[in-house]
């Protein structure tokens, strides 16, 4: 198993990502993210992997990858569709420099789920504060 890490461009916070994905689900029940290149390690990704979203320079949340399908952009151009579980799982905040596209992420290098680390939900800390604390390497 392996994961992906990807910048969530244009997304302000976790609530904004939830709202965008909810709007997509209302139109099409198959939640997916389009990407130009199909991952070569698709079988490993679909064997329990997740996509970790970088929001505002900090890894804040992940989603399980359910499948990788051949898909099309709105203009008909072929692309890969990363089929996602709609559930967003908060993870321990980790600062991340900008990069293009997506990268593979080894399970040992992935941020831990907040609920799995000490039993806290993390909901009591606002996203903006979590980003600031992560930038200072305090969480």
Foldseek 3Di string as FASTA:
>chain_A
DWEKEDEPPPAAFPVSVLVVQVVVCVVPVFRWDWDADDDPPFVVLLPFYWYFYQHPQKGFWIWRFNGKAWDADPVRHITIIGGTDSDIFTFQIAGHDDDPDMDMGGPVRDTHGPCVPPNDRCPVQDGVRSNVCNVVVND
